[in-house]
Amino acid sequence: MGMNHIFIGMIADADRQLALTDAAAQSLWLLGGVALALAGAAAVALAATRSARDTRNTRGPHD
């Protein structure tokens, strides 16, 4: 009966470790998604400002 408790304890520990690993992996995926969204927003903002700068009148007041 003592060996069964050891094996059950080992399985429970493995399940807990797997759950922690899954939680960490999920957090990393979420963090990666946020980083990707921010990078995309920055690229759109950069393109918008570049477009606005290109369409504006570039001649100075004395030209």
PDB file of N, CA and C in Angstrom:
ATOM      1  N   MET A   1       0.818  -1.189   0.000  1.00  0.00           N
ATOM      2  CA  MET A   1       0.000   0.000   0.000  1.00  0.00           C
ATOM      3  C   MET A   1       0.868   1.261   0.000  1.00  0.00           C
ATOM      4  N   GLY A   2       2.034   1.204   0.591  1.00  0.00           N
ATOM      5  CA  GLY A   2       2.922   2.355   0.637  1.00  0.00           C
ATOM      6  C   GLY A   2       3.434   2.751  -0.742  1.00  0.00           C
ATOM      7  N   MET A   3       3.737   1.781  -1.600  1.00  0.00           N
ATOM      8  CA  MET A   3       4.234   2.078  -2.942  1.00  0.00           C
ATOM      9  C   MET A   3       3.162   2.751  -3.798  1.00  0.00           C
ATOM     10  N   ASN A   4       1.902   2.351  -3.614  1.00  0.00           N
ATOM     11  CA  ASN A   4       0.818   2.980  -4.371  1.00  0.00           C
ATOM     12  C   ASN A   4       0.734   4.470  -4.060  1.00  0.00           C
ATOM     13  N   HIS A   5       0.893   4.826  -2.802  1.00  0.00           N
ATOM     14  CA  HIS A   5       0.814   6.238  -2.413  1.00  0.00           C
ATOM     15  C   HIS A   5       1.983   7.025  -3.016  1.00  0.00           C
ATOM     16  N   ILE A   6       3.133   6.406  -3.101  1.00  0.00           N
ATOM     17  CA  ILE A   6       4.293   7.081  -3.704  1.00  0.00           C
ATOM     18  C   ILE A   6       4.030   7.346  -5.181  1.00  0.00           C
ATOM     19  N   PHE A   7       3.534   6.329  -5.886  1.00  0.00           N
ATOM     20  CA  PHE A   7       3.254   6.504  -7.311  1.00  0.00           C
ATOM     21  C   PHE A   7       2.133   7.518  -7.548  1.00  0.00           C
ATOM     22  N   ILE A   8       1.107   7.475  -6.732  1.00  0.00           N
ATOM     23  CA  ILE A   8       0.009   8.437  -6.863  1.00  0.00           C
ATOM     24  C   ILE A   8       0.525   9.855  -6.597  1.00  0.00           C
ATOM     25  N   GLY A   9       1.396   9.987  -5.603  1.00  0.00           N
ATOM     26  CA  GLY A   9       1.993  11.291  -5.316  1.00  0.00           C
ATOM     27  C   GLY A   9       2.837  11.788  -6.472  1.00  0.00           C
ATOM     28  N   MET A  10       3.589  10.870  -7.102  1.00  0.00           N
ATOM     29  CA  MET A  10       4.419  11.260  -8.248  1.00  0.00           C
ATOM     30  C   MET A  10       3.551  11.697  -9.425  1.00  0.00           C
ATOM     31  N   ILE A  11       2.459  10.999  -9.652  1.00  0.00           N
ATOM     32  CA  ILE A  11       1.555  11.361 -10.748  1.00  0.00           C
ATOM     33  C   ILE A  11       0.912  12.720 -10.463  1.00  0.00           C
ATOM     34  N   ALA A  12       0.501  12.950  -9.233  1.00  0.00           N
ATOM     35  CA  ALA A  12      -0.101  14.235  -8.865  1.00  0.00           C
ATOM     36  C   ALA A  12       0.908  15.369  -9.048  1.00  0.00           C
ATOM     37  N   ASP A  13       2.168  15.126  -8.672  1.00  0.00           N
ATOM     38  CA  ASP A  13       3.206  16.146  -8.868  1.00  0.00           C
ATOM     39  C   ASP A  13       3.419  16.431 -10.349  1.00  0.00           C
ATOM     40  N   ALA A  14       3.420  15.385 -11.158  1.00  0.00           N
ATOM     41  CA  ALA A  14       3.593  15.564 -12.598  1.00  0.00           C
ATOM     42  C   ALA A  14       2.428  16.352 -13.186  1.00  0.00           C
ATOM     43  N   ASP A  15       1.210  16.069 -12.718  1.00  0.00           N
ATOM     44  CA  ASP A  15       0.040  16.815 -13.196  1.00  0.00           C
ATOM     45  C   ASP A  15       0.120  18.285 -12.811  1.00  0.00           C
ATOM     46  N   ARG A  16       0.570  18.569 -11.599  1.00  0.00           N
ATOM     47  CA  ARG A  16       0.717  19.959 -11.167  1.00  0.00           C
ATOM     48  C   ARG A  16       1.773  20.671 -11.999  1.00  0.00           C
ATOM     49  N   GLN A  17       2.880  19.994 -12.262  1.00  0.00           N
ATOM     50  CA  GLN A  17       3.957  20.594 -13.060  1.00  0.00           C
ATOM     51  C   GLN A  17       3.477  20.860 -14.489  1.00  0.00           C
ATOM     52  N   LEU A  18       2.718  19.932 -15.045  1.00  0.00           N
ATOM     53  CA  LEU A  18       2.182  20.107 -16.388  1.00  0.00           C
ATOM     54  C   LEU A  18       1.210  21.282 -16.415  1.00  0.00           C
ATOM     55  N   ALA A  19       0.400  21.427 -15.394  1.00  0.00           N
ATOM     56  CA  ALA A  19      -0.544  22.546 -15.321  1.00  0.00           C
ATOM     57  C   ALA A  19       0.205  23.870 -15.249  1.00  0.00           C
ATOM     58  N   LEU A  20       1.293  23.913 -14.468  1.00  0.00           N
ATOM     59  CA  LEU A  20       2.091  25.134 -14.395  1.00  0.00           C
ATOM     60  C   LEU A  20       2.741  25.437 -15.735  1.00  0.00           C
ATOM     61  N   THR A  21       3.212  24.411 -16.415  1.00  0.00           N
ATOM     62  CA  THR A  21       3.830  24.595 -17.728  1.00  0.00           C
ATOM     63  C   THR A  21       2.807  25.107 -18.728  1.00  0.00           C
ATOM     64  N   ASP A  22       1.600  24.561 -18.700  1.00  0.00           N
ATOM     65  CA  ASP A  22       0.535  25.024 -19.592  1.00  0.00           C
ATOM     66  C   ASP A  22       0.185  26.479 -19.320  1.00  0.00           C
ATOM     67  N   ALA A  23       0.124  26.852 -18.061  1.00  0.00           N
ATOM     68  CA  ALA A  23      -0.194  28.233 -17.706  1.00  0.00           C
ATOM     69  C   ALA A  23       0.906  29.176 -18.190  1.00  0.00           C
ATOM     70  N   ALA A  24       2.155  28.770 -18.046  1.00  0.00           N
ATOM     71  CA  ALA A  24       3.274  29.596 -18.513  1.00  0.00           C
ATOM     72  C   ALA A  24       3.257  29.719 -20.029  1.00  0.00           C
ATOM     73  N   ALA A  25       2.969  28.626 -20.707  1.00  0.00           N
ATOM     74  CA  ALA A  25       2.912  28.656 -22.170  1.00  0.00           C
ATOM     75  C   ALA A  25       1.779  29.567 -22.642  1.00  0.00           C
ATOM     76  N   GLN A  26       0.654  29.500 -21.975  1.00  0.00           N
ATOM     77  CA  GLN A  26      -0.478  30.356 -22.339  1.00  0.00           C
ATOM     78  C   GLN A  26      -0.123  31.822 -22.117  1.00  0.00           C
ATOM     79  N   SER A  27       0.551  32.106 -21.025  1.00  0.00           N
ATOM     80  CA  SER A  27       0.957  33.484 -20.750  1.00  0.00           C
ATOM     81  C   SER A  27       1.922  33.992 -21.819  1.00  0.00           C
ATOM     82  N   LEU A  28       2.839  33.122 -22.253  1.00  0.00           N
ATOM     83  CA  LEU A  28       3.785  33.535 -23.293  1.00  0.00           C
ATOM     84  C   LEU A  28       3.076  33.792 -24.618  1.00  0.00           C
ATOM     85  N   TRP A  29       2.097  32.952 -24.956  1.00  0.00           N
ATOM     86  CA  TRP A  29       1.326  33.175 -26.180  1.00  0.00           C
ATOM     87  C   TRP A  29       0.580  34.498 -26.103  1.00  0.00           C
ATOM     88  N   LEU A  30      -0.026  34.783 -24.955  1.00  0.00           N
ATOM     89  CA  LEU A  30      -0.755  36.040 -24.799  1.00  0.00           C
ATOM     90  C   LEU A  30       0.190  37.243 -24.887  1.00  0.00           C
ATOM     91  N   LEU A  31       1.342  37.124 -24.269  1.00  0.00           N
ATOM     92  CA  LEU A  31       2.326  38.196 -24.320  1.00  0.00           C
ATOM     93  C   LEU A  31       2.808  38.415 -25.751  1.00  0.00           C
ATOM     94  N   GLY A  32       3.027  37.328 -26.470  1.00  0.00           N
ATOM     95  CA  GLY A  32       3.430  37.434 -27.868  1.00  0.00           C
ATOM     96  C   GLY A  32       2.351  38.092 -28.714  1.00  0.00           C
ATOM     97  N   GLY A  33       1.101  37.771 -28.432  1.00  0.00           N
ATOM     98  CA  GLY A  33      -0.006  38.391 -29.164  1.00  0.00           C
ATOM     99  C   GLY A  33      -0.089  39.883 -28.915  1.00  0.00           C
ATOM    100  N   VAL A  34       0.106  40.283 -27.681  1.00  0.00           N
ATOM    101  CA  VAL A  34       0.084  41.713 -27.349  1.00  0.00           C
ATOM    102  C   VAL A  34       1.245  42.426 -28.043  1.00  0.00           C
ATOM    103  N   ALA A  35       2.421  41.820 -28.019  1.00  0.00           N
ATOM    104  CA  ALA A  35       3.585  42.422 -28.675  1.00  0.00           C
ATOM    105  C   ALA A  35       3.354  42.556 -30.178  1.00  0.00           C
ATOM    106  N   LEU A  36       2.762  41.542 -30.787  1.00  0.00           N
ATOM    107  CA  LEU A  36       2.474  41.593 -32.221  1.00  0.00           C
ATOM    108  C   LEU A  36       1.451  42.688 -32.533  1.00  0.00           C
ATOM    109  N   ALA A  37       0.435  42.816 -31.699  1.00  0.00           N
ATOM    110  CA  ALA A  37      -0.570  43.860 -31.904  1.00  0.00           C
ATOM    111  C   ALA A  37       0.049  45.251 -31.773  1.00  0.00           C
ATOM    112  N   LEU A  38       0.920  45.432 -30.804  1.00  0.00           N
ATOM    113  CA  LEU A  38       1.584  46.728 -30.638  1.00  0.00           C
ATOM    114  C   LEU A  38       2.503  47.042 -31.814  1.00  0.00           C
ATOM    115  N   ALA A  39       3.209  46.044 -32.298  1.00  0.00           N
ATOM    116  CA  ALA A  39       4.087  46.253 -33.454  1.00  0.00           C
ATOM    117  C   ALA A  39       3.256  46.622 -34.682  1.00  0.00           C
ATOM    118  N   GLY A  40       2.132  45.970 -34.863  1.00  0.00           N
ATOM    119  CA  GLY A  40       1.260  46.298 -35.986  1.00  0.00           C
ATOM    120  C   GLY A  40       0.706  47.706 -35.882  1.00  0.00           C
ATOM    121  N   ALA A  41       0.296  48.092 -34.687  1.00  0.00           N
ATOM    122  CA  ALA A  41      -0.218  49.445 -34.486  1.00  0.00           C
ATOM    123  C   ALA A  41       0.873  50.487 -34.745  1.00  0.00           C
ATOM    124  N   ALA A  42       2.083  50.203 -34.349  1.00  0.00           N
ATOM    125  CA  ALA A  42       3.198  51.127 -34.587  1.00  0.00           C
ATOM    126  C   ALA A  42       3.478  51.247 -36.084  1.00  0.00           C
ATOM    127  N   ALA A  43       3.410  50.136 -36.808  1.00  0.00           N
ATOM    128  CA  ALA A  43       3.651  50.173 -38.249  1.00  0.00           C
ATOM    129  C   ALA A  43       2.571  50.988 -38.958  1.00  0.00           C
ATOM    130  N   VAL A  44       1.337  50.835 -38.550  1.00  0.00           N
ATOM    131  CA  VAL A  44       0.240  51.609 -39.144  1.00  0.00           C
ATOM    132  C   VAL A  44       0.408  53.093 -38.829  1.00  0.00           C
ATOM    133  N   ALA A  45       0.770  53.408 -37.590  1.00  0.00           N
ATOM    134  CA  ALA A  45       0.967  54.808 -37.205  1.00  0.00           C
ATOM    135  C   ALA A  45       2.120  55.428 -37.993  1.00  0.00           C
ATOM    136  N   LEU A  46       3.186  54.687 -38.183  1.00  0.00           N
ATOM    137  CA  LEU A  46       4.324  55.187 -38.948  1.00  0.00           C
ATOM    138  C   LEU A  46       3.931  55.439 -40.396  1.00  0.00           C
ATOM    139  N   ALA A  47       3.205  54.506 -40.980  1.00  0.00           N
ATOM    140  CA  ALA A  47       2.766  54.665 -42.366  1.00  0.00           C
ATOM    141  C   ALA A  47       1.821  55.846 -42.498  1.00  0.00           C
ATOM    142  N   ALA A  48       0.952  56.058 -41.529  1.00  0.00           N
ATOM    143  CA  ALA A  48       0.005  57.176 -41.574  1.00  0.00           C
ATOM    144  C   ALA A  48       0.736  58.511 -41.486  1.00  0.00           C
ATOM    145  N   THR A  49       1.715  58.610 -40.622  1.00  0.00           N
ATOM    146  CA  THR A  49       2.442  59.875 -40.495  1.00  0.00           C
ATOM    147  C   THR A  49       3.302  60.120 -41.734  1.00  0.00           C
ATOM    148  N   ARG A  50       3.863  59.076 -42.306  1.00  0.00           N
ATOM    149  CA  ARG A  50       4.672  59.233 -43.514  1.00  0.00           C
ATOM    150  C   ARG A  50       3.781  59.688 -44.674  1.00  0.00           C
ATOM    151  N   SER A  51       2.594  59.113 -44.755  1.00  0.00           N
ATOM    152  CA  SER A  51       1.661  59.487 -45.810  1.00  0.00           C
ATOM    153  C   SER A  51       1.220  60.935 -45.653  1.00  0.00           C
ATOM    154  N   ALA A  52       0.934  61.358 -44.454  1.00  0.00           N
ATOM    155  CA  ALA A  52       0.519  62.735 -44.198  1.00  0.00           C
ATOM    156  C   ALA A  52       1.650  63.710 -44.519  1.00  0.00           C
ATOM    157  N   ARG A  53       2.874  63.325 -44.216  1.00  0.00           N
ATOM    158  CA  ARG A  53       4.025  64.183 -44.480  1.00  0.00           C
ATOM    159  C   ARG A  53       4.261  64.312 -45.983  1.00  0.00           C
ATOM    160  N   ASP A  54       4.040  63.238 -46.751  1.00  0.00           N
ATOM    161  CA  ASP A  54       4.268  63.255 -48.190  1.00  0.00           C
ATOM    162  C   ASP A  54       3.226  64.069 -48.934  1.00  0.00           C
ATOM    163  N   THR A  55       2.000  64.120 -48.455  1.00  0.00           N
ATOM    164  CA  THR A  55       0.932  64.819 -49.161  1.00  0.00           C
ATOM    165  C   THR A  55       0.858  66.298 -48.800  1.00  0.00           C
ATOM    166  N   ARG A  56       1.540  66.715 -47.789  1.00  0.00           N
ATOM    167  CA  ARG A  56       1.518  68.108 -47.347  1.00  0.00           C
ATOM    168  C   ARG A  56       2.357  68.976 -48.305  1.00  0.00           C
ATOM    169  N   ASN A  57       2.053  70.236 -48.388  1.00  0.00           N
ATOM    170  CA  ASN A  57       2.819  71.150 -49.230  1.00  0.00           C
ATOM    171  C   ASN A  57       4.203  71.309 -48.627  1.00  0.00           C
ATOM    172  N   THR A  58       5.226  70.959 -49.376  1.00  0.00           N
ATOM    173  CA  THR A  58       6.591  70.987 -48.836  1.00  0.00           C
ATOM    174  C   THR A  58       7.309  72.293 -49.149  1.00  0.00           C
ATOM    175  N   ARG A  59       6.689  73.191 -49.926  1.00  0.00           N
ATOM    176  CA  ARG A  59       7.350  74.460 -50.249  1.00  0.00           C
ATOM    177  C   ARG A  59       7.320  75.387 -49.045  1.00  0.00           C
ATOM    178  N   GLY A  60       8.364  76.118 -48.871  1.00  0.00           N
ATOM    179  CA  GLY A  60       8.450  77.053 -47.762  1.00  0.00           C
ATOM    180  C   GLY A  60       7.635  78.315 -48.005  1.00  0.00           C
ATOM    181  N   PRO A  61       7.557  79.216 -47.027  1.00  0.00           N
ATOM    182  CA  PRO A  61       6.758  80.431 -47.157  1.00  0.00           C
ATOM    183  C   PRO A  61       7.330  81.421 -48.163  1.00  0.00           C
ATOM    184  N   HIS A  62       8.606  81.323 -48.508  1.00  0.00           N
ATOM    185  CA  HIS A  62       9.247  82.290 -49.422  1.00  0.00           C
ATOM    186  C   HIS A  62       9.414  81.741 -50.810  1.00  0.00           C
ATOM    187  N   ASP A  63       8.897  80.551 -51.105  1.00  0.00           N
ATOM    188  CA  ASP A  63       9.064  79.963 -52.444  1.00  0.00           C
ATOM    189  C   ASP A  63       8.009  80.425 -53.393  1.00  0.00           C
TER     190      ASP A  63
END
